[in-house]
Amino acid sequence: MAQHFSERSERIEGLGELIKILKSSTIENRDKALRNLENVQEELTEEETPDANIIGKWLGKASETIKLANKETELFSKAKQVCDSFGIEF
């Protein structure tokens, strides 16, 4: 997981932006995806050494829902950007 403060901060910021976009969306199972993204954000902000495996699991679950969004939307592109920052294929 993010070893450098700046990298970790960028990931947290990206997650916050994605959560904000997702909250305004109407995709199916939005609340489940939100819960998973909020779990990731919490893990990054509250744990000294975030668990990369559990973060990957939560991001994977959230991305399954978000992939149902239109590929041209801001939601889809932000989700891809966030997953890429964690090295997770979207």
C-alpha atoms as a PDB file:
ATOM      1  CA  MET A   1       0.000   0.000   0.000  1.00  0.00           C
ATOM      2  CA  ALA A   2       1.016   3.623  -0.197  1.00  0.00           C
ATOM      3  CA  GLN A   3       4.359   4.013   1.496  1.00  0.00           C
ATOM      4  CA  HIS A   4       4.681   7.735   0.944  1.00  0.00           C
ATOM      5  CA  PHE A   5       2.442  10.321   2.533  1.00  0.00           C
ATOM      6  CA  SER A   6       1.845  12.167  -0.741  1.00  0.00           C
ATOM      7  CA  GLU A   7       0.820   8.987  -2.573  1.00  0.00           C
ATOM      8  CA  ARG A   8      -1.499   8.020   0.252  1.00  0.00           C
ATOM      9  CA  SER A   9      -2.996  11.529   0.324  1.00  0.00           C
ATOM     10  CA  GLU A  10      -3.615  11.416  -3.429  1.00  0.00           C
ATOM     11  CA  ARG A  11      -5.410   8.092  -3.090  1.00  0.00           C
ATOM     12  CA  ILE A  12      -7.576   9.405  -0.254  1.00  0.00           C
ATOM     13  CA  GLU A  13      -8.397  12.521  -2.263  1.00  0.00           C
ATOM     14  CA  GLY A  14      -9.269  10.455  -5.337  1.00  0.00           C
ATOM     15  CA  LEU A  15     -11.516   8.205  -3.268  1.00  0.00           C
ATOM     16  CA  GLY A  16     -13.271  11.254  -1.828  1.00  0.00           C
ATOM     17  CA  GLU A  17     -13.934  12.582  -5.318  1.00  0.00           C
ATOM     18  CA  LEU A  18     -15.201   9.191  -6.492  1.00  0.00           C
ATOM     19  CA  ILE A  19     -17.497   8.871  -3.466  1.00  0.00           C
ATOM     20  CA  LYS A  20     -18.925  12.334  -4.139  1.00  0.00           C
ATOM     21  CA  ILE A  21     -19.614  11.469  -7.790  1.00  0.00           C
ATOM     22  CA  LEU A  22     -21.116   8.098  -6.860  1.00  0.00           C
ATOM     23  CA  LYS A  23     -23.447   9.690  -4.293  1.00  0.00           C
ATOM     24  CA  SER A  24     -25.008  11.783  -7.051  1.00  0.00           C
ATOM     25  CA  SER A  25     -25.408   8.827  -9.427  1.00  0.00           C
ATOM     26  CA  THR A  26     -28.431   6.614  -9.887  1.00  0.00           C
ATOM     27  CA  ILE A  27     -26.718   3.333 -10.748  1.00  0.00           C
ATOM     28  CA  GLU A  28     -28.079   0.119  -9.314  1.00  0.00           C
ATOM     29  CA  ASN A  29     -26.460  -1.080  -6.063  1.00  0.00           C
ATOM     30  CA  ARG A  30     -24.956   2.367  -5.521  1.00  0.00           C
ATOM     31  CA  ASP A  31     -25.182   2.053  -1.734  1.00  0.00           C
ATOM     32  CA  LYS A  32     -23.148  -1.173  -1.677  1.00  0.00           C
ATOM     33  CA  ALA A  33     -20.439   0.399  -3.820  1.00  0.00           C
ATOM     34  CA  LEU A  34     -20.421   3.479  -1.571  1.00  0.00           C
ATOM     35  CA  ARG A  35     -19.997   1.340   1.527  1.00  0.00           C
ATOM     36  CA  ASN A  36     -17.019  -0.473  -0.027  1.00  0.00           C
ATOM     37  CA  LEU A  37     -15.353   2.790  -1.090  1.00  0.00           C
ATOM     38  CA  GLU A  38     -15.930   4.329   2.332  1.00  0.00           C
ATOM     39  CA  ASN A  39     -14.332   1.224   3.880  1.00  0.00           C
ATOM     40  CA  VAL A  40     -11.251   1.769   1.705  1.00  0.00           C
ATOM     41  CA  GLN A  41     -11.110   5.437   2.652  1.00  0.00           C
ATOM     42  CA  GLU A  42     -11.413   4.549   6.338  1.00  0.00           C
ATOM     43  CA  GLU A  43      -8.672   1.921   6.093  1.00  0.00           C
ATOM     44  CA  LEU A  44      -6.331   4.456   4.487  1.00  0.00           C
ATOM     45  CA  THR A  45      -7.052   7.230   6.951  1.00  0.00           C
ATOM     46  CA  GLU A  46      -7.228   5.250  10.185  1.00  0.00           C
ATOM     47  CA  GLU A  47      -4.647   2.487   9.836  1.00  0.00           C
ATOM     48  CA  GLU A  48      -0.922   3.132  10.090  1.00  0.00           C
ATOM     49  CA  THR A  49      -0.307   0.200   7.751  1.00  0.00           C
ATOM     50  CA  PRO A  50      -3.379  -0.294   5.547  1.00  0.00           C
ATOM     51  CA  ASP A  51      -4.175  -3.874   4.549  1.00  0.00           C
ATOM     52  CA  ALA A  52      -3.645  -4.057   0.778  1.00  0.00           C
ATOM     53  CA  ASN A  53      -5.566  -7.332   0.457  1.00  0.00           C
ATOM     54  CA  ILE A  54      -8.735  -6.049   2.056  1.00  0.00           C
ATOM     55  CA  ILE A  55      -8.488  -2.751   0.158  1.00  0.00           C
ATOM     56  CA  GLY A  56      -8.213  -4.723  -3.086  1.00  0.00           C
ATOM     57  CA  LYS A  57     -11.270  -6.760  -2.120  1.00  0.00           C
ATOM     58  CA  TRP A  58     -13.359  -3.649  -1.363  1.00  0.00           C
ATOM     59  CA  LEU A  59     -12.245  -1.835  -4.516  1.00  0.00           C
ATOM     60  CA  GLY A  60     -13.011  -4.922  -6.577  1.00  0.00           C
ATOM     61  CA  LYS A  61     -16.538  -5.136  -5.196  1.00  0.00           C
ATOM     62  CA  ALA A  62     -17.165  -1.417  -5.765  1.00  0.00           C
ATOM     63  CA  SER A  63     -15.766  -1.535  -9.292  1.00  0.00           C
ATOM     64  CA  GLU A  64     -18.113  -4.404 -10.230  1.00  0.00           C
ATOM     65  CA  THR A  65     -21.046  -2.075  -9.620  1.00  0.00           C
ATOM     66  CA  ILE A  66     -19.444   1.002 -11.152  1.00  0.00           C
ATOM     67  CA  LYS A  67     -18.566  -0.876 -14.340  1.00  0.00           C
ATOM     68  CA  LEU A  68     -22.303  -0.930 -15.046  1.00  0.00           C
ATOM     69  CA  ALA A  69     -22.189   2.840 -15.562  1.00  0.00           C
ATOM     70  CA  ASN A  70     -21.821   4.287 -19.032  1.00  0.00           C
ATOM     71  CA  LYS A  71     -18.122   4.346 -19.980  1.00  0.00           C
ATOM     72  CA  GLU A  72     -18.447   7.980 -21.035  1.00  0.00           C
ATOM     73  CA  THR A  73     -19.474   9.187 -17.583  1.00  0.00           C
ATOM     74  CA  GLU A  74     -17.375  11.029 -15.033  1.00  0.00           C
ATOM     75  CA  LEU A  75     -18.149   8.221 -12.566  1.00  0.00           C
ATOM     76  CA  PHE A  76     -16.621   5.559 -14.802  1.00  0.00           C
ATOM     77  CA  SER A  77     -13.476   7.548 -15.613  1.00  0.00           C
ATOM     78  CA  LYS A  78     -12.868   8.552 -11.961  1.00  0.00           C
ATOM     79  CA  ALA A  79     -13.348   4.944 -10.817  1.00  0.00           C
ATOM     80  CA  LYS A  80     -10.810   3.773 -13.393  1.00  0.00           C
ATOM     81  CA  GLN A  81      -8.356   6.453 -12.256  1.00  0.00           C
ATOM     82  CA  VAL A  82      -8.724   5.468  -8.587  1.00  0.00           C
ATOM     83  CA  CYS A  83      -8.354   1.740  -9.276  1.00  0.00           C
ATOM     84  CA  ASP A  84      -5.293   2.428 -11.420  1.00  0.00           C
ATOM     85  CA  SER A  85      -3.718   4.373  -8.551  1.00  0.00           C
ATOM     86  CA  PHE A  86      -3.964   1.226  -6.434  1.00  0.00           C
ATOM     87  CA  GLY A  87      -2.666  -1.008  -9.227  1.00  0.00           C
ATOM     88  CA  ILE A  88      -6.046  -2.696  -9.594  1.00  0.00           C
ATOM     89  CA  GLU A  89      -7.360  -3.488 -13.060  1.00  0.00           C
ATOM     90  CA  PHE A  90     -10.680  -1.822 -13.785  1.00  0.00           C
END
